[in-house]
PDB file of N, CA and C in Angstrom:
ATOM      1  N   MET A   1       0.852  -1.119  -0.057  1.00  0.00           N
ATOM      2  CA  MET A   1      -0.052   0.078   0.432  1.00  0.00           C
ATOM      3  C   MET A   1       1.003   1.409   0.050  1.00  0.00           C
ATOM      4  N   PHE A   2       0.358   2.662  -0.765  1.00  0.00           N
ATOM      5  CA  PHE A   2       1.461   3.270  -0.489  1.00  0.00           C
ATOM      6  C   PHE A   2       1.191   4.916   0.282  1.00  0.00           C
ATOM      7  N   ASN A   3       1.938   5.095   1.011  1.00  0.00           N
ATOM      8  CA  ASN A   3       1.905   5.717   2.011  1.00  0.00           C
ATOM      9  C   ASN A   3       2.198   7.381   1.816  1.00  0.00           C
ATOM     10  N   ILE A   4       1.196   8.144   1.463  1.00  0.00           N
ATOM     11  CA  ILE A   4       1.441   9.503   1.385  1.00  0.00           C
ATOM     12  C   ILE A   4       2.068  10.493   2.122  1.00  0.00           C
ATOM     13  N   PHE A   5       1.706   9.906   3.632  1.00  0.00           N
ATOM     14  CA  PHE A   5       2.749  10.671   4.044  1.00  0.00           C
ATOM     15  C   PHE A   5       4.202  10.865   4.319  1.00  0.00           C
ATOM     16  N   GLN A   6       4.472   9.679   4.176  1.00  0.00           N
ATOM     17  CA  GLN A   6       5.973   8.904   3.926  1.00  0.00           C
ATOM     18  C   GLN A   6       6.439   9.076   3.121  1.00  0.00           C
ATOM     19  N   TYR A   7       6.101   9.484   1.720  1.00  0.00           N
ATOM     20  CA  TYR A   7       6.493  10.191   0.776  1.00  0.00           C
ATOM     21  C   TYR A   7       7.340  11.619   1.041  1.00  0.00           C
ATOM     22  N   LEU A   8       5.557  12.308   1.351  1.00  0.00           N
ATOM     23  CA  LEU A   8       6.036  13.515   1.517  1.00  0.00           C
ATOM     24  C   LEU A   8       6.920  13.629   2.278  1.00  0.00           C
ATOM     25  N   GLN A   9       6.954  13.175   3.451  1.00  0.00           N
ATOM     26  CA  GLN A   9       8.435  13.189   4.699  1.00  0.00           C
ATOM     27  C   GLN A   9       9.561  13.281   3.575  1.00  0.00           C
ATOM     28  N   MET A  10      10.113  12.153   2.323  1.00  0.00           N
ATOM     29  CA  MET A  10      10.550  11.806   2.111  1.00  0.00           C
ATOM     30  C   MET A  10      11.356  13.000   1.502  1.00  0.00           C
ATOM     31  N   LYS A  11      10.396  14.026   0.617  1.00  0.00           N
ATOM     32  CA  LYS A  11      10.524  14.730   0.108  1.00  0.00           C
ATOM     33  C   LYS A  11      10.895  16.168   0.781  1.00  0.00           C
ATOM     34  N   GLY A  12      10.634  16.069   1.998  1.00  0.00           N
ATOM     35  CA  GLY A  12      10.884  17.294   3.200  1.00  0.00           C
ATOM     36  C   GLY A  12       9.539  18.213   3.834  1.00  0.00           C
ATOM     37  N   ILE A  13       8.627  17.742   3.152  1.00  0.00           N
ATOM     38  CA  ILE A  13       7.839  17.726   3.672  1.00  0.00           C
ATOM     39  C   ILE A  13       7.349  17.830   5.314  1.00  0.00           C
ATOM     40  N   ASP A  14       7.518  17.861   6.438  1.00  0.00           N
ATOM     41  CA  ASP A  14       7.441  17.791   7.591  1.00  0.00           C
ATOM     42  C   ASP A  14       5.852  17.390   8.296  1.00  0.00           C
ATOM     43  N   GLY A  15       6.081  16.632   9.068  1.00  0.00           N
ATOM     44  CA  GLY A  15       4.611  16.329  10.027  1.00  0.00           C
ATOM     45  C   GLY A  15       4.052  17.349   9.955  1.00  0.00           C
ATOM     46  N   GLU A  16       4.698  18.154  10.520  1.00  0.00           N
ATOM     47  CA  GLU A  16       3.858  19.556  11.374  1.00  0.00           C
ATOM     48  C   GLU A  16       3.044  19.962  10.351  1.00  0.00           C
ATOM     49  N   GLN A  17       3.292  19.993   9.005  1.00  0.00           N
ATOM     50  CA  GLN A  17       2.466  20.743   7.869  1.00  0.00           C
ATOM     51  C   GLN A  17       1.715  19.546   7.270  1.00  0.00           C
ATOM     52  N   GLN A  18       1.789  18.604   7.343  1.00  0.00           N
ATOM     53  CA  GLN A  18       1.125  17.150   6.724  1.00  0.00           C
ATOM     54  C   GLN A  18      -0.082  17.321   7.741  1.00  0.00           C
ATOM     55  N   LYS A  19       0.406  17.216   8.953  1.00  0.00           N
ATOM     56  CA  LYS A  19      -1.044  17.649  10.092  1.00  0.00           C
ATOM     57  C   LYS A  19      -2.043  18.775   9.943  1.00  0.00           C
ATOM     58  N   ASP A  20      -1.112  19.938   9.407  1.00  0.00           N
ATOM     59  CA  ASP A  20      -2.589  20.794   9.028  1.00  0.00           C
ATOM     60  C   ASP A  20      -3.399  20.229   8.002  1.00  0.00           C
ATOM     61  N   TYR A  21      -2.587  19.153   6.911  1.00  0.00           N
ATOM     62  CA  TYR A  21      -3.832  19.107   5.906  1.00  0.00           C
ATOM     63  C   TYR A  21      -3.933  17.833   5.915  1.00  0.00           C
ATOM     64  N   PHE A  22      -4.137  17.085   6.850  1.00  0.00           N
ATOM     65  CA  PHE A  22      -4.069  15.860   7.298  1.00  0.00           C
ATOM     66  C   PHE A  22      -5.837  14.933   6.580  1.00  0.00           C
ATOM     67  N   LYS A  23      -6.914  15.672   6.554  1.00  0.00           N
ATOM     68  CA  LYS A  23      -8.096  15.506   5.930  1.00  0.00           C
ATOM     69  C   LYS A  23      -7.652  15.283   4.270  1.00  0.00           C
ATOM     70  N   GLU A  24      -7.224  16.428   3.760  1.00  0.00           N
ATOM     71  CA  GLU A  24      -7.049  16.567   2.136  1.00  0.00           C
ATOM     72  C   GLU A  24      -6.240  15.392   1.811  1.00  0.00           C
ATOM     73  N   LEU A  25      -4.701  15.368   2.732  1.00  0.00           N
ATOM     74  CA  LEU A  25      -4.015  14.261   2.237  1.00  0.00           C
ATOM     75  C   LEU A  25      -4.284  12.591   2.912  1.00  0.00           C
ATOM     76  N   ASP A  26      -5.086  12.663   3.722  1.00  0.00           N
ATOM     77  CA  ASP A  26      -5.471  10.981   3.856  1.00  0.00           C
ATOM     78  C   ASP A  26      -6.479  10.761   2.509  1.00  0.00           C
ATOM     79  N   GLU A  27      -7.448  11.605   2.147  1.00  0.00           N
ATOM     80  CA  GLU A  27      -8.493  11.353   1.063  1.00  0.00           C
ATOM     81  C   GLU A  27      -7.249  11.249   0.023  1.00  0.00           C
ATOM     82  N   ALA A  28      -6.134  11.802  -0.048  1.00  0.00           N
ATOM     83  CA  ALA A  28      -5.677  11.996  -2.011  1.00  0.00           C
ATOM     84  C   ALA A  28      -4.905  10.477  -1.414  1.00  0.00           C
ATOM     85  N   ASN A  29      -4.438   9.986  -0.115  1.00  0.00           N
ATOM     86  CA  ASN A  29      -3.745   8.804  -0.213  1.00  0.00           C
ATOM     87  C   ASN A  29      -5.065   6.861  -0.303  1.00  0.00           C
ATOM     88  N   ASP A  30      -6.390   7.843  -0.017  1.00  0.00           N
ATOM     89  CA  ASP A  30      -7.102   6.492  -0.306  1.00  0.00           C
ATOM     90  C   ASP A  30      -7.780   6.313  -1.953  1.00  0.00           C
ATOM     91  N   ARG A  31      -7.721   7.926  -2.496  1.00  0.00           N
ATOM     92  CA  ARG A  31      -8.206   7.663  -4.315  1.00  0.00           C
ATOM     93  C   ARG A  31      -6.283   6.877  -4.531  1.00  0.00           C
ATOM     94  N   ILE A  32      -5.403   7.335  -4.431  1.00  0.00           N
ATOM     95  CA  ILE A  32      -4.027   6.677  -5.011  1.00  0.00           C
ATOM     96  C   ILE A  32      -4.150   5.247  -4.950  1.00  0.00           C
ATOM     97  N   ASN A  33      -4.510   4.741  -3.282  1.00  0.00           N
ATOM     98  CA  ASN A  33      -4.268   3.138  -3.536  1.00  0.00           C
ATOM     99  C   ASN A  33      -5.351   2.686  -3.885  1.00  0.00           C
ATOM    100  N   GLU A  34      -6.476   3.390  -4.069  1.00  0.00           N
ATOM    101  CA  GLU A  34      -7.872   2.572  -4.730  1.00  0.00           C
ATOM    102  C   GLU A  34      -7.277   2.681  -6.698  1.00  0.00           C
ATOM    103  N   PHE A  35      -6.783   3.330  -6.655  1.00  0.00           N
ATOM    104  CA  PHE A  35      -6.051   3.122  -8.389  1.00  0.00           C
ATOM    105  C   PHE A  35      -5.526   2.378  -8.762  1.00  0.00           C
ATOM    106  N   LEU A  36      -4.333   2.299  -7.895  1.00  0.00           N
ATOM    107  CA  LEU A  36      -3.324   1.329  -8.041  1.00  0.00           C
ATOM    108  C   LEU A  36      -3.934  -0.184  -7.604  1.00  0.00           C
ATOM    109  N   LEU A  37      -4.712  -0.344  -6.556  1.00  0.00           N
ATOM    110  CA  LEU A  37      -6.017  -1.542  -6.502  1.00  0.00           C
ATOM    111  C   LEU A  37      -6.029  -2.352  -8.150  1.00  0.00           C
ATOM    112  N   GLN A  38      -7.012  -0.523  -8.684  1.00  0.00           N
ATOM    113  CA  GLN A  38      -7.354  -1.622 -10.108  1.00  0.00           C
ATOM    114  C   GLN A  38      -6.822  -1.137 -10.969  1.00  0.00           C
ATOM    115  N   ASN A  39      -5.626  -0.925 -10.830  1.00  0.00           N
ATOM    116  CA  ASN A  39      -4.218  -0.734 -11.938  1.00  0.00           C
ATOM    117  C   ASN A  39      -2.917  -1.277 -11.404  1.00  0.00           C
ATOM    118  N   PRO A  40      -3.058  -2.629 -11.419  1.00  0.00           N
ATOM    119  CA  PRO A  40      -2.038  -2.917 -10.816  1.00  0.00           C
ATOM    120  C   PRO A  40      -0.469  -3.513 -11.123  1.00  0.00           C
ATOM    121  N   ASN A  41      -0.556  -2.761 -12.368  1.00  0.00           N
ATOM    122  CA  ASN A  41       1.044  -2.461 -13.007  1.00  0.00           C
ATOM    123  C   ASN A  41       1.127  -1.058 -13.017  1.00  0.00           C
ATOM    124  N   SER A  42       0.584   0.032 -12.263  1.00  0.00           N
ATOM    125  CA  SER A  42       0.867   1.087 -12.147  1.00  0.00           C
ATOM    126  C   SER A  42       1.454   0.935 -11.062  1.00  0.00           C
ATOM    127  N   LYS A  43       2.479   2.499 -10.850  1.00  0.00           N
ATOM    128  CA  LYS A  43       3.193   3.152  -9.583  1.00  0.00           C
ATOM    129  C   LYS A  43       3.181   4.663  -9.644  1.00  0.00           C
ATOM    130  N   VAL A  44       3.396   5.140  -8.315  1.00  0.00           N
ATOM    131  CA  VAL A  44       3.262   6.479  -8.376  1.00  0.00           C
ATOM    132  C   VAL A  44       4.827   6.986  -8.589  1.00  0.00           C
ATOM    133  N   LYS A  45       4.788   7.854  -9.798  1.00  0.00           N
ATOM    134  CA  LYS A  45       5.981   7.937  -9.976  1.00  0.00           C
ATOM    135  C   LYS A  45       6.611   9.614  -9.009  1.00  0.00           C
ATOM    136  N   ASP A  46       5.694  10.327  -8.708  1.00  0.00           N
ATOM    137  CA  ASP A  46       5.824  11.641  -8.128  1.00  0.00           C
ATOM    138  C   ASP A  46       4.617  12.501  -7.927  1.00  0.00           C
ATOM    139  N   ILE A  47       5.174  13.138  -6.856  1.00  0.00           N
ATOM    140  CA  ILE A  47       3.773  13.666  -6.208  1.00  0.00           C
ATOM    141  C   ILE A  47       4.424  15.225  -5.783  1.00  0.00           C
ATOM    142  N   LYS A  48       3.840  16.519  -6.315  1.00  0.00           N
ATOM    143  CA  LYS A  48       4.322  17.850  -6.439  1.00  0.00           C
ATOM    144  C   LYS A  48       3.353  18.465  -5.592  1.00  0.00           C
ATOM    145  N   ILE A  49       3.685  18.887  -4.220  1.00  0.00           N
ATOM    146  CA  ILE A  49       2.676  19.931  -3.625  1.00  0.00           C
ATOM    147  C   ILE A  49       2.898  20.673  -3.488  1.00  0.00           C
ATOM    148  N   LYS A  50       1.272  22.412  -3.948  1.00  0.00           N
ATOM    149  CA  LYS A  50       2.037  23.219  -4.094  1.00  0.00           C
ATOM    150  C   LYS A  50       0.823  24.078  -2.949  1.00  0.00           C
ATOM    151  N   PHE A  51       0.880  24.959  -2.612  1.00  0.00           N
ATOM    152  CA  PHE A  51      -0.109  25.762  -1.602  1.00  0.00           C
ATOM    153  C   PHE A  51      -0.288  26.800  -2.262  1.00  0.00           C
ATOM    154  N   LEU A  52      -1.991  27.228  -2.609  1.00  0.00           N
ATOM    155  CA  LEU A  52      -2.125  27.774  -3.356  1.00  0.00           C
ATOM    156  C   LEU A  52      -2.642  29.222  -2.563  1.00  0.00           C
ATOM    157  N   ASP A  53      -2.407  29.585  -1.610  1.00  0.00           N
ATOM    158  CA  ASP A  53      -2.126  30.890  -1.250  1.00  0.00           C
ATOM    159  C   ASP A  53      -0.946  31.052  -0.029  1.00  0.00           C
ATOM    160  N   ASP A  54      -0.717  32.653   0.078  1.00  0.00           N
ATOM    161  CA  ASP A  54       0.004  33.116   1.290  1.00  0.00           C
ATOM    162  C   ASP A  54       0.044  32.460   2.382  1.00  0.00           C
ATOM    163  N   SER A  55      -1.474  32.672   2.881  1.00  0.00           N
ATOM    164  CA  SER A  55      -1.903  32.000   4.538  1.00  0.00           C
ATOM    165  C   SER A  55      -1.550  29.746   3.978  1.00  0.00           C
ATOM    166  N   ALA A  56      -1.473  29.575   3.139  1.00  0.00           N
ATOM    167  CA  ALA A  56      -1.240  28.122   3.008  1.00  0.00           C
ATOM    168  C   ALA A  56      -2.586  27.761   3.500  1.00  0.00           C
ATOM    169  N   GLU A  57      -3.507  27.874   3.105  1.00  0.00           N
ATOM    170  CA  GLU A  57      -4.850  27.587   4.023  1.00  0.00           C
ATOM    171  C   GLU A  57      -5.740  26.387   2.969  1.00  0.00           C
ATOM    172  N   LYS A  58      -4.772  26.450   1.626  1.00  0.00           N
ATOM    173  CA  LYS A  58      -5.193  25.728   0.783  1.00  0.00           C
ATOM    174  C   LYS A  58      -4.412  24.461  -0.019  1.00  0.00           C
ATOM    175  N   VAL A  59      -4.398  23.775  -0.062  1.00  0.00           N
ATOM    176  CA  VAL A  59      -3.279  22.912  -0.882  1.00  0.00           C
ATOM    177  C   VAL A  59      -3.704  21.857  -2.337  1.00  0.00           C
ATOM    178  N   MET A  60      -2.955  21.845  -2.932  1.00  0.00           N
ATOM    179  CA  MET A  60      -2.702  21.505  -4.626  1.00  0.00           C
ATOM    180  C   MET A  60      -1.813  20.334  -4.236  1.00  0.00           C
ATOM    181  N   LEU A  61      -2.339  19.020  -5.219  1.00  0.00           N
ATOM    182  CA  LEU A  61      -1.321  17.783  -5.422  1.00  0.00           C
ATOM    183  C   LEU A  61      -1.510  17.419  -6.754  1.00  0.00           C
ATOM    184  N   ASP A  62      -0.582  17.327  -7.089  1.00  0.00           N
ATOM    185  CA  ASP A  62      -0.389  16.939  -8.634  1.00  0.00           C
ATOM    186  C   ASP A  62       0.661  15.479  -8.426  1.00  0.00           C
ATOM    187  N   ILE A  63       0.083  14.666  -8.515  1.00  0.00           N
ATOM    188  CA  ILE A  63      -0.046  13.420  -8.715  1.00  0.00           C
ATOM    189  C   ILE A  63       0.169  12.241  -9.415  1.00  0.00           C
ATOM    190  N   HIS A  64       1.751  12.486 -10.405  1.00  0.00           N
ATOM    191  CA  HIS A  64       2.214  11.362 -11.737  1.00  0.00           C
ATOM    192  C   HIS A  64       1.650   9.744 -11.220  1.00  0.00           C
ATOM    193  N   ILE A  65       0.949   9.094 -11.969  1.00  0.00           N
ATOM    194  CA  ILE A  65       1.019   7.906 -11.673  1.00  0.00           C
ATOM    195  C   ILE A  65       1.272   7.276 -13.327  1.00  0.00           C
ATOM    196  N   GLU A  66       2.436   6.172 -13.191  1.00  0.00           N
ATOM    197  CA  GLU A  66       2.778   5.839 -14.597  1.00  0.00           C
ATOM    198  C   GLU A  66       2.812   3.923 -14.697  1.00  0.00           C
ATOM    199  N   LYS A  67       2.377   3.935 -15.843  1.00  0.00           N
ATOM    200  CA  LYS A  67       1.715   2.588 -16.194  1.00  0.00           C
ATOM    201  C   LYS A  67       2.588   1.787 -16.812  1.00  0.00           C
ATOM    202  N   GLN A  68       3.368   0.620 -16.227  1.00  0.00           N
ATOM    203  CA  GLN A  68       4.000  -0.384 -16.422  1.00  0.00           C
ATOM    204  C   GLN A  68       3.922  -0.962 -17.731  1.00  0.00           C
TER     205      GLN A  68
END
C-alpha cells in the first residue's frame, strides 16, 4: 500500500505541515491506493505539493502515476 505521508516526508514536507492538511492528504492517499489496486501495473512516479495562497490554507497535489 502506498503511504502519502511517508512519501511527502521523504520529499521534505515535515509531519507538522502534513498535520495541517491531514484530511486532504488522507483522502488523496485513499484515492491513490484505490487506483493502484484497480491498476496493479501502475506506480506513483511523483507527487508535487503546492500551497495555493500565502496563508497556506489550501493545498494542491499534482500526482503522477505511471503505468508499466
